Amino acid sequence: MEQSFAGALAVVLLLNLVLLLVLLYRSFAQVSTGGQEIREELRAARQESNAHARELREELSSGARAAIDSVEKGLEKLSQSQQAHRSEIAERLNEFQGGSLDAFERVRTAMDEHGNQTLTAQEREFARVQQVIEARFESVDRKISEAADEEKAAMHERWTGYSNRPRKIQSVN
């Protein structure tokens, strides 16, 4: 009986060993397929992250393009406005000059009619008026040039101010 008990015990032990090996085999198979699933999930997460990063880059790029287009349109409008303003000033100066020439002709005719005595007095007055007019022309021309130079300098400063702005360099200690 002891032999049959020992034989039964050996069979049970052998059966337990076989079952243990089967269980170990299954757990290793599940671990390896589970590792594959984790790899697939990580790969999918990486691809999703790459897609989001690409979308953000595209969005930033389109935003930058829109900002550049807006700045270009603004500069174009400013340029057109300045050109129109300069043309208007030039027209007014020409009108003023034309009116001055007409006045000059009237003064000259009047001087011829009144004779030599009034001629010298009128010539002096005309010379004075002419000097005043020329001084005003020079003043207006100088102001226009100064305004144009100031606007040009301001635009240059705005454009170069962004690119030449000193950047703080932070040291890492």
Foldseek 3Di string as FASTA:
>chain_A
DVVVVVVVVVVVVVVVVVVVVVVVVVVVVVVVVVVVVVVVVVVVVVVVVVVVVVVVVVVVVVVVVVVVVVVVVVVVVVVVVLVVVVVVVVVVVVVVVVVLVVVVVVLVVVLVVVDDVVVVVSVVVNVVVVVVVVVVVVVVVVVSVVVVVVVVVVVVCVVVVVVPPDDDDDDDD
